[in-house]
Amino acid sequence: MSTRLRCGTSARHRLRGGAALEMALLSPWVFFLFIGALDWGFYSSALISVQAALRSATLYTATGASTAADSAGACSIVLAEIRTLPNIGPAVTSCGSNPVVTATAVTGPDNASATQVTITYNSVKMIPLPGMLAGQFTIAKTAKMRLRTGT
């Protein structure tokens, strides 16, 4: 009986370290997946916030001919919408560098007066994954809307 126990014990000793080896081989992949998910989370949050800010600013500038080119008013609405993004915060009070907001009066495709709002936003610097994710994203969105009041 003692020889059987020894054989079983030595077989168990030979299998030791398999889990540690698997962990050592798979941990870089798990790390890259985690970093990729974190970066895509930041990017998608910024994208959703910029789209909501663009919608709100376009609705404001489309109220009439006097607000169609009101970049300052559009800027204040955009800043209120994207205030929670990591690189904006309460310190940013203008839309000259990040974000860049412009509102212009244009003629729509139906030859009616319209407004066009453009937002360009640079995301926070993220961890670049070569061949998969860049270190920083630039989100540029434009919306055009017909003026809601007569021209």
N, C-alpha and C. Protein backbone atom coordinates (compact mmCIF):
# COMPACT_ATOMS: atom_id res chain seq x y z
N MET A 1 0.80 -1.20 0.00
CA MET A 1 0.00 0.00 0.00
C MET A 1 0.85 1.27 0.00
N SER A 2 1.93 1.22 0.63
CA SER A 2 2.76 2.42 0.68
C SER A 2 3.35 2.75 -0.68
N THR A 3 3.58 1.70 -1.52
CA THR A 3 4.08 2.01 -2.87
C THR A 3 3.02 2.68 -3.72
N ARG A 4 1.78 2.32 -3.52
CA ARG A 4 0.71 2.99 -4.27
C ARG A 4 0.62 4.47 -3.91
N LEU A 5 0.72 4.76 -2.64
CA LEU A 5 0.66 6.16 -2.24
C LEU A 5 1.80 6.96 -2.81
N ARG A 6 2.96 6.35 -2.85
CA ARG A 6 4.11 7.07 -3.40
C ARG A 6 3.92 7.36 -4.88
N CYS A 7 3.41 6.38 -5.61
CA CYS A 7 3.21 6.61 -7.04
C CYS A 7 2.18 7.71 -7.27
N GLY A 8 1.09 7.69 -6.51
CA GLY A 8 0.07 8.73 -6.65
C GLY A 8 0.61 10.09 -6.28
N THR A 9 1.44 10.14 -5.26
CA THR A 9 2.00 11.41 -4.84
C THR A 9 2.98 11.94 -5.87
N SER A 10 3.80 11.09 -6.43
CA SER A 10 4.77 11.57 -7.42
C SER A 10 4.06 12.04 -8.69
N ALA A 11 2.96 11.38 -9.06
CA ALA A 11 2.19 11.83 -10.22
C ALA A 11 1.60 13.22 -9.97
N ARG A 12 1.16 13.44 -8.74
CA ARG A 12 0.63 14.76 -8.39
C ARG A 12 1.73 15.81 -8.41
N HIS A 13 2.93 15.44 -7.97
CA HIS A 13 4.04 16.39 -8.00
C HIS A 13 4.43 16.77 -9.42
N ARG A 14 4.31 15.84 -10.36
CA ARG A 14 4.66 16.13 -11.74
C ARG A 14 3.67 17.11 -12.38
N LEU A 15 2.43 17.17 -11.91
CA LEU A 15 1.42 18.06 -12.48
C LEU A 15 1.42 19.45 -11.85
N ARG A 16 2.17 19.63 -10.81
CA ARG A 16 2.21 20.94 -10.16
C ARG A 16 2.81 22.00 -11.08
N GLY A 17 2.28 23.21 -11.01
CA GLY A 17 2.82 24.33 -11.79
C GLY A 17 2.10 24.53 -13.10
N GLY A 18 1.21 23.64 -13.48
CA GLY A 18 0.48 23.80 -14.74
C GLY A 18 -0.40 25.03 -14.73
N ALA A 19 -1.09 25.27 -13.65
CA ALA A 19 -1.96 26.45 -13.55
C ALA A 19 -1.14 27.74 -13.57
N ALA A 20 0.00 27.71 -12.89
CA ALA A 20 0.87 28.90 -12.88
C ALA A 20 1.42 29.18 -14.27
N LEU A 21 1.76 28.15 -15.00
CA LEU A 21 2.26 28.32 -16.36
C LEU A 21 1.17 28.86 -17.28
N GLU A 22 -0.04 28.33 -17.16
CA GLU A 22 -1.16 28.84 -17.96
C GLU A 22 -1.44 30.30 -17.64
N MET A 23 -1.39 30.63 -16.37
CA MET A 23 -1.62 32.03 -15.97
C MET A 23 -0.53 32.93 -16.54
N ALA A 24 0.70 32.48 -16.51
CA ALA A 24 1.80 33.29 -17.05
C ALA A 24 1.66 33.49 -18.55
N LEU A 25 1.15 32.49 -19.25
CA LEU A 25 1.00 32.61 -20.70
C LEU A 25 -0.23 33.43 -21.10
N LEU A 26 -1.29 33.37 -20.34
CA LEU A 26 -2.53 34.06 -20.70
C LEU A 26 -2.67 35.46 -20.11
N SER A 27 -1.93 35.79 -19.08
CA SER A 27 -2.11 37.10 -18.43
C SER A 27 -1.83 38.29 -19.34
N PRO A 28 -0.86 38.26 -20.27
CA PRO A 28 -0.72 39.41 -21.17
C PRO A 28 -1.96 39.63 -22.04
N TRP A 29 -2.58 38.55 -22.51
CA TRP A 29 -3.79 38.68 -23.32
C TRP A 29 -4.94 39.25 -22.51
N VAL A 30 -5.08 38.79 -21.30
CA VAL A 30 -6.14 39.33 -20.43
C VAL A 30 -5.88 40.81 -20.15
N PHE A 31 -4.63 41.17 -19.94
CA PHE A 31 -4.27 42.58 -19.70
C PHE A 31 -4.63 43.44 -20.91
N PHE A 32 -4.28 43.00 -22.12
CA PHE A 32 -4.60 43.76 -23.32
C PHE A 32 -6.11 43.87 -23.53
N LEU A 33 -6.84 42.82 -23.25
CA LEU A 33 -8.30 42.88 -23.37
C LEU A 33 -8.89 43.87 -22.38
N PHE A 34 -8.38 43.90 -21.16
CA PHE A 34 -8.86 44.83 -20.15
C PHE A 34 -8.58 46.27 -20.57
N ILE A 35 -7.36 46.54 -21.04
CA ILE A 35 -6.99 47.90 -21.46
C ILE A 35 -7.84 48.32 -22.67
N GLY A 36 -8.05 47.40 -23.61
CA GLY A 36 -8.88 47.72 -24.77
C GLY A 36 -10.30 48.04 -24.38
N ALA A 37 -10.87 47.26 -23.45
CA ALA A 37 -12.23 47.53 -22.99
C ALA A 37 -12.31 48.88 -22.27
N LEU A 38 -11.31 49.21 -21.50
CA LEU A 38 -11.28 50.49 -20.78
C LEU A 38 -11.21 51.66 -21.78
N ASP A 39 -10.34 51.54 -22.76
CA ASP A 39 -10.21 52.61 -23.76
C ASP A 39 -11.47 52.77 -24.59
N TRP A 40 -12.07 51.68 -25.01
CA TRP A 40 -13.31 51.77 -25.78
C TRP A 40 -14.44 52.34 -24.94
N GLY A 41 -14.41 52.09 -23.64
CA GLY A 41 -15.40 52.69 -22.75
C GLY A 41 -15.28 54.20 -22.71
N PHE A 42 -14.04 54.70 -22.59
CA PHE A 42 -13.82 56.15 -22.61
C PHE A 42 -14.24 56.74 -23.96
N TYR A 43 -13.90 56.06 -25.05
CA TYR A 43 -14.24 56.56 -26.38
C TYR A 43 -15.75 56.59 -26.58
N SER A 44 -16.45 55.52 -26.21
CA SER A 44 -17.90 55.49 -26.43
C SER A 44 -18.62 56.50 -25.54
N SER A 45 -18.14 56.71 -24.33
CA SER A 45 -18.72 57.73 -23.46
C SER A 45 -18.57 59.12 -24.07
N ALA A 46 -17.38 59.40 -24.59
CA ALA A 46 -17.14 60.70 -25.23
C ALA A 46 -18.00 60.86 -26.47
N LEU A 47 -18.13 59.80 -27.25
CA LEU A 47 -18.93 59.87 -28.47
C LEU A 47 -20.40 60.15 -28.16
N ILE A 48 -20.94 59.48 -27.18
CA ILE A 48 -22.34 59.69 -26.80
C ILE A 48 -22.54 61.11 -26.27
N SER A 49 -21.61 61.59 -25.45
CA SER A 49 -21.73 62.95 -24.91
C SER A 49 -21.64 64.01 -25.99
N VAL A 50 -20.74 63.82 -26.94
CA VAL A 50 -20.60 64.80 -28.03
C VAL A 50 -21.84 64.80 -28.91
N GLN A 51 -22.40 63.64 -29.18
CA GLN A 51 -23.61 63.58 -30.00
C GLN A 51 -24.79 64.26 -29.29
N ALA A 52 -24.92 64.06 -28.00
CA ALA A 52 -26.00 64.72 -27.25
C ALA A 52 -25.79 66.23 -27.23
N ALA A 53 -24.54 66.67 -27.06
CA ALA A 53 -24.24 68.10 -27.05
C ALA A 53 -24.52 68.72 -28.42
N LEU A 54 -24.18 68.01 -29.48
CA LEU A 54 -24.44 68.51 -30.83
C LEU A 54 -25.94 68.65 -31.07
N ARG A 55 -26.70 67.68 -30.64
CA ARG A 55 -28.16 67.73 -30.81
C ARG A 55 -28.74 68.93 -30.07
N SER A 56 -28.33 69.14 -28.83
CA SER A 56 -28.85 70.26 -28.03
C SER A 56 -28.45 71.61 -28.63
N ALA A 57 -27.20 71.73 -29.06
CA ALA A 57 -26.75 73.00 -29.63
C ALA A 57 -27.45 73.29 -30.95
N THR A 58 -27.68 72.27 -31.76
CA THR A 58 -28.37 72.47 -33.04
C THR A 58 -29.82 72.87 -32.82
N LEU A 59 -30.47 72.26 -31.85
CA LEU A 59 -31.85 72.66 -31.54
C LEU A 59 -31.91 74.11 -31.07
N TYR A 60 -30.90 74.55 -30.30
CA TYR A 60 -30.87 75.94 -29.84
C TYR A 60 -30.67 76.89 -31.02
N THR A 61 -29.70 76.61 -31.87
CA THR A 61 -29.42 77.54 -32.97
C THR A 61 -30.50 77.54 -34.04
N ALA A 62 -31.34 76.52 -34.06
CA ALA A 62 -32.41 76.46 -35.05
C ALA A 62 -33.68 77.18 -34.61
N THR A 63 -33.65 77.87 -33.46
CA THR A 63 -34.85 78.55 -32.98
C THR A 63 -35.21 79.77 -33.81
N GLY A 64 -34.24 80.38 -34.46
CA GLY A 64 -34.55 81.54 -35.27
C GLY A 64 -33.33 82.08 -35.98
N ALA A 65 -33.55 83.11 -36.81
CA ALA A 65 -32.45 83.70 -37.58
C ALA A 65 -31.43 84.39 -36.67
N SER A 66 -31.87 84.89 -35.52
CA SER A 66 -30.95 85.58 -34.63
C SER A 66 -29.99 84.62 -33.91
N THR A 67 -30.37 83.36 -33.78
CA THR A 67 -29.50 82.40 -33.10
C THR A 67 -28.83 81.42 -34.06
N ALA A 68 -29.08 81.53 -35.34
CA ALA A 68 -28.55 80.57 -36.31
C ALA A 68 -27.03 80.52 -36.33
N ALA A 69 -26.38 81.64 -36.09
CA ALA A 69 -24.92 81.70 -36.11
C ALA A 69 -24.35 82.02 -34.73
N ASP A 70 -25.09 81.74 -33.68
CA ASP A 70 -24.66 82.06 -32.31
C ASP A 70 -23.70 80.99 -31.78
N SER A 71 -22.43 81.11 -32.13
CA SER A 71 -21.44 80.14 -31.68
C SER A 71 -21.23 80.19 -30.17
N ALA A 72 -21.33 81.38 -29.56
CA ALA A 72 -21.14 81.50 -28.11
C ALA A 72 -22.26 80.78 -27.36
N GLY A 73 -23.49 80.94 -27.81
CA GLY A 73 -24.60 80.23 -27.18
C GLY A 73 -24.50 78.73 -27.37
N ALA A 74 -24.10 78.31 -28.58
CA ALA A 74 -23.90 76.88 -28.83
C ALA A 74 -22.77 76.34 -27.97
N CYS A 75 -21.73 77.13 -27.78
CA CYS A 75 -20.60 76.72 -26.94
C CYS A 75 -21.03 76.48 -25.51
N SER A 76 -21.82 77.38 -24.96
CA SER A 76 -22.25 77.21 -23.56
C SER A 76 -23.12 75.97 -23.41
N ILE A 77 -23.95 75.66 -24.40
CA ILE A 77 -24.78 74.45 -24.33
C ILE A 77 -23.92 73.20 -24.44
N VAL A 78 -22.95 73.23 -25.35
CA VAL A 78 -22.06 72.08 -25.51
C VAL A 78 -21.25 71.83 -24.23
N LEU A 79 -20.72 72.90 -23.66
CA LEU A 79 -19.93 72.73 -22.42
C LEU A 79 -20.78 72.17 -21.28
N ALA A 80 -22.04 72.60 -21.21
CA ALA A 80 -22.92 72.07 -20.17
C ALA A 80 -23.17 70.58 -20.36
N GLU A 81 -23.24 70.13 -21.62
CA GLU A 81 -23.50 68.72 -21.91
C GLU A 81 -22.28 67.83 -21.68
N ILE A 82 -21.09 68.33 -22.02
CA ILE A 82 -19.90 67.47 -21.94
C ILE A 82 -19.03 67.78 -20.72
N ARG A 83 -19.57 68.46 -19.77
CA ARG A 83 -18.82 68.84 -18.57
C ARG A 83 -18.25 67.63 -17.81
N THR A 84 -18.88 66.47 -17.93
CA THR A 84 -18.43 65.30 -17.16
C THR A 84 -17.28 64.55 -17.83
N LEU A 85 -16.89 64.93 -19.04
CA LEU A 85 -15.78 64.24 -19.68
C LEU A 85 -14.47 64.56 -18.97
N PRO A 86 -13.53 63.62 -18.93
CA PRO A 86 -12.33 63.78 -18.10
C PRO A 86 -11.47 64.99 -18.43
N ASN A 87 -11.35 65.38 -19.69
CA ASN A 87 -10.46 66.50 -20.01
C ASN A 87 -11.20 67.82 -20.20
N ILE A 88 -12.45 67.90 -19.80
CA ILE A 88 -13.19 69.16 -19.88
C ILE A 88 -13.29 69.77 -18.49
N GLY A 89 -14.13 69.24 -17.64
CA GLY A 89 -14.23 69.73 -16.26
C GLY A 89 -14.70 71.17 -16.17
N PRO A 90 -14.72 71.72 -14.96
CA PRO A 90 -15.22 73.09 -14.76
C PRO A 90 -14.24 74.17 -15.21
N ALA A 91 -12.98 73.82 -15.46
CA ALA A 91 -11.99 74.83 -15.82
C ALA A 91 -12.16 75.34 -17.25
N VAL A 92 -12.73 74.55 -18.13
CA VAL A 92 -12.89 74.95 -19.53
C VAL A 92 -14.12 75.84 -19.65
N THR A 93 -13.91 77.05 -20.15
CA THR A 93 -15.02 78.01 -20.28
C THR A 93 -15.20 78.54 -21.69
N SER A 94 -14.34 78.13 -22.63
CA SER A 94 -14.47 78.59 -24.01
C SER A 94 -14.34 77.41 -24.96
N CYS A 95 -14.72 77.63 -26.19
CA CYS A 95 -14.70 76.56 -27.18
C CYS A 95 -13.72 76.88 -28.29
N GLY A 96 -12.51 77.26 -27.92
CA GLY A 96 -11.51 77.61 -28.91
C GLY A 96 -10.53 76.51 -29.22
N SER A 97 -10.23 75.65 -28.23
CA SER A 97 -9.23 74.62 -28.48
C SER A 97 -9.80 73.21 -28.32
N ASN A 98 -10.35 72.89 -27.18
CA ASN A 98 -10.97 71.58 -26.98
C ASN A 98 -12.13 71.74 -26.02
N PRO A 99 -13.32 71.69 -26.48
CA PRO A 99 -13.81 71.41 -27.82
C PRO A 99 -13.82 72.67 -28.69
N VAL A 100 -13.91 72.46 -29.99
CA VAL A 100 -14.08 73.56 -30.94
C VAL A 100 -15.53 73.49 -31.43
N VAL A 101 -16.27 74.58 -31.19
CA VAL A 101 -17.68 74.62 -31.57
C VAL A 101 -17.89 75.82 -32.48
N THR A 102 -18.51 75.56 -33.64
CA THR A 102 -18.86 76.65 -34.56
C THR A 102 -20.31 76.49 -34.99
N ALA A 103 -21.00 77.60 -35.07
CA ALA A 103 -22.38 77.62 -35.57
C ALA A 103 -22.43 78.63 -36.70
N THR A 104 -23.01 78.22 -37.82
CA THR A 104 -23.11 79.11 -38.98
C THR A 104 -24.50 79.02 -39.57
N ALA A 105 -24.93 80.13 -40.13
CA ALA A 105 -26.21 80.16 -40.86
C ALA A 105 -25.94 79.71 -42.28
N VAL A 106 -26.68 78.73 -42.73
CA VAL A 106 -26.49 78.17 -44.07
C VAL A 106 -27.85 78.06 -44.77
N THR A 107 -27.80 77.70 -46.02
CA THR A 107 -29.02 77.41 -46.78
C THR A 107 -29.15 75.90 -46.87
N GLY A 108 -30.29 75.39 -46.51
CA GLY A 108 -30.53 73.96 -46.52
C GLY A 108 -30.71 73.42 -47.92
N PRO A 109 -30.86 72.11 -48.05
CA PRO A 109 -31.03 71.51 -49.38
C PRO A 109 -32.34 71.91 -50.05
N ASP A 110 -33.31 72.39 -49.28
CA ASP A 110 -34.58 72.83 -49.86
C ASP A 110 -34.61 74.34 -50.06
N ASN A 111 -33.45 74.98 -50.04
CA ASN A 111 -33.26 76.42 -50.21
C ASN A 111 -33.90 77.24 -49.09
N ALA A 112 -34.17 76.61 -47.96
CA ALA A 112 -34.67 77.33 -46.79
C ALA A 112 -33.49 77.65 -45.88
N SER A 113 -33.68 78.66 -45.03
CA SER A 113 -32.63 79.02 -44.08
C SER A 113 -32.44 77.90 -43.07
N ALA A 114 -31.17 77.63 -42.76
CA ALA A 114 -30.85 76.55 -41.83
C ALA A 114 -29.65 76.96 -40.99
N THR A 115 -29.32 76.13 -40.04
CA THR A 115 -28.14 76.34 -39.21
C THR A 115 -27.29 75.08 -39.26
N GLN A 116 -25.99 75.29 -39.11
CA GLN A 116 -25.07 74.16 -39.09
C GLN A 116 -24.15 74.31 -37.89
N VAL A 117 -24.07 73.29 -37.07
CA VAL A 117 -23.22 73.29 -35.89
C VAL A 117 -22.18 72.19 -36.05
N THR A 118 -20.93 72.53 -35.77
CA THR A 118 -19.84 71.57 -35.85
C THR A 118 -19.11 71.53 -34.52
N ILE A 119 -18.85 70.32 -34.03
CA ILE A 119 -18.09 70.12 -32.80
C ILE A 119 -16.90 69.23 -33.11
N THR A 120 -15.73 69.64 -32.66
CA THR A 120 -14.52 68.81 -32.75
C THR A 120 -13.99 68.65 -31.34
N TYR A 121 -13.83 67.41 -30.92
CA TYR A 121 -13.42 67.10 -29.56
C TYR A 121 -12.27 66.10 -29.59
N ASN A 122 -11.23 66.36 -28.82
CA ASN A 122 -10.10 65.43 -28.68
C ASN A 122 -10.26 64.67 -27.38
N SER A 123 -10.23 63.35 -27.47
CA SER A 123 -10.40 62.52 -26.27
C SER A 123 -9.16 62.59 -25.38
N VAL A 124 -9.29 62.00 -24.21
CA VAL A 124 -8.14 61.91 -23.31
C VAL A 124 -7.11 61.00 -23.95
N LYS A 125 -5.85 61.14 -23.54
CA LYS A 125 -4.81 60.24 -24.03
C LYS A 125 -5.03 58.88 -23.39
N MET A 126 -5.13 57.89 -24.26
CA MET A 126 -5.37 56.54 -23.78
C MET A 126 -4.12 55.69 -24.00
N ILE A 127 -4.17 54.47 -23.55
CA ILE A 127 -3.04 53.56 -23.72
C ILE A 127 -3.13 52.99 -25.13
N PRO A 128 -2.15 53.28 -25.99
CA PRO A 128 -2.24 52.79 -27.37
C PRO A 128 -1.93 51.30 -27.44
N LEU A 129 -2.71 50.59 -28.22
CA LEU A 129 -2.42 49.19 -28.52
C LEU A 129 -2.04 49.14 -30.00
N PRO A 130 -0.78 48.84 -30.30
CA PRO A 130 -0.32 48.89 -31.69
C PRO A 130 -1.19 48.04 -32.61
N GLY A 131 -1.65 48.65 -33.68
CA GLY A 131 -2.47 47.97 -34.65
C GLY A 131 -3.94 47.87 -34.29
N MET A 132 -4.32 48.27 -33.08
CA MET A 132 -5.71 48.13 -32.66
C MET A 132 -6.32 49.45 -32.22
N LEU A 133 -5.69 50.16 -31.30
CA LEU A 133 -6.23 51.40 -30.76
C LEU A 133 -5.18 52.49 -30.82
N ALA A 134 -5.60 53.67 -31.25
CA ALA A 134 -4.70 54.82 -31.26
C ALA A 134 -4.57 55.37 -29.84
N GLY A 135 -3.62 56.25 -29.64
CA GLY A 135 -3.43 56.83 -28.32
C GLY A 135 -4.46 57.90 -27.99
N GLN A 136 -5.03 58.54 -29.00
CA GLN A 136 -6.01 59.59 -28.79
C GLN A 136 -6.94 59.64 -29.99
N PHE A 137 -8.22 59.91 -29.74
CA PHE A 137 -9.20 59.98 -30.81
C PHE A 137 -9.69 61.42 -30.96
N THR A 138 -9.99 61.81 -32.19
CA THR A 138 -10.62 63.09 -32.47
C THR A 138 -12.02 62.80 -32.99
N ILE A 139 -13.00 63.35 -32.31
CA ILE A 139 -14.39 63.16 -32.71
C ILE A 139 -14.86 64.46 -33.33
N ALA A 140 -15.26 64.41 -34.59
CA ALA A 140 -15.76 65.59 -35.30
C ALA A 140 -17.16 65.28 -35.80
N LYS A 141 -18.13 66.05 -35.34
CA LYS A 141 -19.53 65.84 -35.71
C LYS A 141 -20.12 67.14 -36.23
N THR A 142 -20.98 67.03 -37.24
CA THR A 142 -21.67 68.18 -37.82
C THR A 142 -23.14 67.86 -37.95
N ALA A 143 -23.98 68.83 -37.63
CA ALA A 143 -25.43 68.67 -37.80
C ALA A 143 -25.98 69.93 -38.46
N LYS A 144 -26.94 69.71 -39.34
CA LYS A 144 -27.59 70.81 -40.03
C LYS A 144 -29.09 70.68 -39.79
N MET A 145 -29.76 71.82 -39.49
CA MET A 145 -31.18 71.79 -39.22
C MET A 145 -31.83 73.03 -39.79
N ARG A 146 -32.99 72.86 -40.32
CA ARG A 146 -33.77 73.98 -40.85
C ARG A 146 -34.24 74.85 -39.68
N LEU A 147 -34.26 76.16 -39.89
CA LEU A 147 -34.72 77.07 -38.84
C LEU A 147 -36.20 76.81 -38.56
N ARG A 148 -36.55 76.80 -37.28
CA ARG A 148 -37.94 76.46 -36.92
C ARG A 148 -38.90 77.62 -37.12
N THR A 149 -38.39 78.85 -37.12
CA THR A 149 -39.26 80.00 -37.40
C THR A 149 -39.01 80.46 -38.82
N GLY A 150 -39.89 81.23 -39.35
CA GLY A 150 -39.75 81.72 -40.72
C GLY A 150 -38.48 82.52 -40.91
N THR A 151 -38.02 82.61 -42.14
CA THR A 151 -36.77 83.31 -42.41
C THR A 151 -37.01 84.75 -42.54
